[in-house]
C-alpha atoms as a PDB file:
ATOM      1  CA  MET A   1       0.046  -0.082   0.071  1.00  0.00           C
ATOM      2  CA  GLN A   2       1.372   3.287  -1.020  1.00  0.00           C
ATOM      3  CA  ASP A   3      -0.003   7.010  -0.532  1.00  0.00           C
ATOM      4  CA  PHE A   4      -1.015   8.027  -3.873  1.00  0.00           C
ATOM      5  CA  CYS A   5      -0.425  11.604  -3.112  1.00  0.00           C
ATOM      6  CA  ARG A   6       3.294  11.252  -3.246  1.00  0.00           C
ATOM      7  CA  LEU A   7       2.874  10.149  -7.195  1.00  0.00           C
ATOM      8  CA  LYS A   8       3.599  12.620  -9.759  1.00  0.00           C
ATOM      9  CA  VAL A   9       1.484  10.860 -12.103  1.00  0.00           C
ATOM     10  CA  TRP A  10      -1.392  11.294  -9.681  1.00  0.00           C
ATOM     11  CA  GLU A  11      -0.417  14.682  -8.452  1.00  0.00           C
ATOM     12  CA  ARG A  12      -0.794  15.485 -12.814  1.00  0.00           C
ATOM     13  CA  CYS A  13      -4.243  13.837 -12.928  1.00  0.00           C
ATOM     14  CA  HIS A  14      -5.425  15.989 -10.067  1.00  0.00           C
ATOM     15  CA  ALA A  15      -4.778  18.885 -11.578  1.00  0.00           C
ATOM     16  CA  LEU A  16      -6.264  18.074 -15.026  1.00  0.00           C
ATOM     17  CA  THR A  17      -9.225  17.115 -13.090  1.00  0.00           C
ATOM     18  CA  LEU A  18      -9.196  20.627 -11.192  1.00  0.00           C
ATOM     19  CA  GLU A  19      -8.598  22.550 -14.555  1.00  0.00           C
ATOM     20  CA  VAL A  20     -11.705  20.360 -16.142  1.00  0.00           C
ATOM     21  CA  TYR A  21     -13.507  21.683 -13.636  1.00  0.00           C
ATOM     22  CA  THR A  22     -12.570  25.408 -13.837  1.00  0.00           C
ATOM     23  CA  VAL A  23     -13.074  25.613 -17.669  1.00  0.00           C
ATOM     24  CA  THR A  24     -16.558  23.431 -17.459  1.00  0.00           C
ATOM     25  CA  GLN A  25     -17.857  26.371 -15.212  1.00  0.00           C
ATOM     26  CA  GLY A  26     -17.655  28.499 -18.414  1.00  0.00           C
ATOM     27  CA  PHE A  27     -19.915  25.844 -20.178  1.00  0.00           C
ATOM     28  CA  SER A  28     -24.153  26.834 -20.977  1.00  0.00           C
ATOM     29  CA  ARG A  29     -26.401  25.505 -18.219  1.00  0.00           C
ATOM     30  CA  GLU A  30     -27.937  23.442 -20.496  1.00  0.00           C
ATOM     31  CA  GLU A  31     -24.950  21.369 -20.845  1.00  0.00           C
ATOM     32  CA  MET A  32     -24.773  21.257 -17.017  1.00  0.00           C
ATOM     33  CA  PHE A  33     -26.176  17.298 -17.009  1.00  0.00           C
ATOM     34  CA  GLY A  34     -24.708  16.587 -20.322  1.00  0.00           C
ATOM     35  CA  LEU A  35     -21.100  17.160 -21.809  1.00  0.00           C
ATOM     36  CA  THR A  36     -20.237  19.264 -18.297  1.00  0.00           C
ATOM     37  CA  SER A  37     -21.091  16.747 -16.041  1.00  0.00           C
ATOM     38  CA  GLN A  38     -19.358  13.943 -18.456  1.00  0.00           C
ATOM     39  CA  MET A  39     -15.890  15.708 -18.444  1.00  0.00           C
ATOM     40  CA  ARG A  40     -16.098  15.900 -15.040  1.00  0.00           C
ATOM     41  CA  ARG A  41     -17.013  12.258 -14.330  1.00  0.00           C
ATOM     42  CA  SER A  42     -14.059  11.069 -16.829  1.00  0.00           C
ATOM     43  CA  ALA A  43     -11.651  13.359 -15.436  1.00  0.00           C
ATOM     44  CA  ALA A  44     -12.081  12.668 -11.589  1.00  0.00           C
ATOM     45  CA  SER A  45     -11.904   8.712 -12.776  1.00  0.00           C
ATOM     46  CA  ILE A  46      -8.294   8.980 -13.456  1.00  0.00           C
ATOM     47  CA  PRO A  47      -7.032  10.176 -10.266  1.00  0.00           C
ATOM     48  CA  THR A  48      -9.741   8.143  -8.738  1.00  0.00           C
ATOM     49  CA  ASN A  49      -8.523   4.698 -10.024  1.00  0.00           C
ATOM     50  CA  ILE A  50      -4.841   5.613  -9.195  1.00  0.00           C
ATOM     51  CA  ALA A  51      -5.780   6.155  -5.920  1.00  0.00           C
ATOM     52  CA  GLU A  52      -7.870   2.604  -5.624  1.00  0.00           C
ATOM     53  CA  GLY A  53      -4.726   1.445  -7.230  1.00  0.00           C
ATOM     54  CA  CYS A  54      -2.258   2.171  -3.941  1.00  0.00           C
ATOM     55  CA  ALA A  55      -4.687   0.646  -1.839  1.00  0.00           C
ATOM     56  CA  CYS A  56      -3.856  -2.574  -3.401  1.00  0.00           C
ATOM     57  CA  ASP A  57      -1.671  -5.288  -1.750  1.00  0.00           C
ATOM     58  CA  THR A  58       0.343  -6.224  -4.844  1.00  0.00           C
ATOM     59  CA  ASP A  59       1.876  -4.777  -7.926  1.00  0.00           C
ATOM     60  CA  THR A  60      -0.393  -6.504 -10.288  1.00  0.00           C
ATOM     61  CA  GLN A  61      -3.460  -5.352  -8.895  1.00  0.00           C
ATOM     62  CA  PHE A  62      -1.836  -1.555  -8.464  1.00  0.00           C
ATOM     63  CA  ALA A  63      -0.945  -2.221 -12.447  1.00  0.00           C
ATOM     64  CA  HIS A  64      -4.728  -3.063 -13.091  1.00  0.00           C
ATOM     65  CA  PHE A  65      -6.068   0.093 -11.653  1.00  0.00           C
ATOM     66  CA  VAL A  66      -3.255   1.984 -13.271  1.00  0.00           C
ATOM     67  CA  MET A  67      -4.644   0.412 -16.751  1.00  0.00           C
ATOM     68  CA  ILE A  68      -8.364   1.434 -16.376  1.00  0.00           C
ATOM     69  CA  ALA A  69      -6.953   5.212 -15.246  1.00  0.00           C
ATOM     70  CA  LEU A  70      -4.945   5.101 -18.718  1.00  0.00           C
ATOM     71  CA  GLY A  71      -8.192   3.890 -20.463  1.00  0.00           C
ATOM     72  CA  SER A  72     -10.048   6.452 -18.292  1.00  0.00           C
ATOM     73  CA  ALA A  73      -7.798   9.072 -20.066  1.00  0.00           C
ATOM     74  CA  SER A  74      -9.547   8.811 -23.314  1.00  0.00           C
ATOM     75  CA  GLU A  75     -12.696   9.965 -22.214  1.00  0.00           C
ATOM     76  CA  PRO A  76     -11.916  13.448 -21.305  1.00  0.00           C
ATOM     77  CA  GLU A  77      -9.396  13.377 -24.081  1.00  0.00           C
ATOM     78  CA  TYR A  78     -12.200  13.055 -26.708  1.00  0.00           C
ATOM     79  CA  GLN A  79     -14.759  14.993 -24.780  1.00  0.00           C
ATOM     80  CA  ILE A  80     -12.073  18.267 -24.748  1.00  0.00           C
ATOM     81  CA  LEU A  81     -12.353  17.467 -28.748  1.00  0.00           C
ATOM     82  CA  LEU A  82     -15.850  17.140 -28.942  1.00  0.00           C
ATOM     83  CA  ALA A  83     -16.205  21.059 -26.651  1.00  0.00           C
ATOM     84  CA  HIS A  84     -13.735  22.561 -28.778  1.00  0.00           C
ATOM     85  CA  ASP A  85     -15.926  21.660 -31.776  1.00  0.00           C
ATOM     86  CA  LEU A  86     -19.432  22.160 -30.513  1.00  0.00           C
END
């Protein structure tokens, strides 16, 4: 078990999540339950999965959650592109 707050990758993912929340504050109210909500949840899932993996007993379990976090990172990447195009 390790302290996720000490991981640089977690710090960067947390900063991304904070930035997504800041940027989406400027989205229209009609997007509150659409793209805004989805972007916030998907961004937050990245550091959340890293934190969950840090609570695991083995490196294999930790790696599993890191892979989930990596997959989750694709979601806000696309959503940012979509928001830009909209």
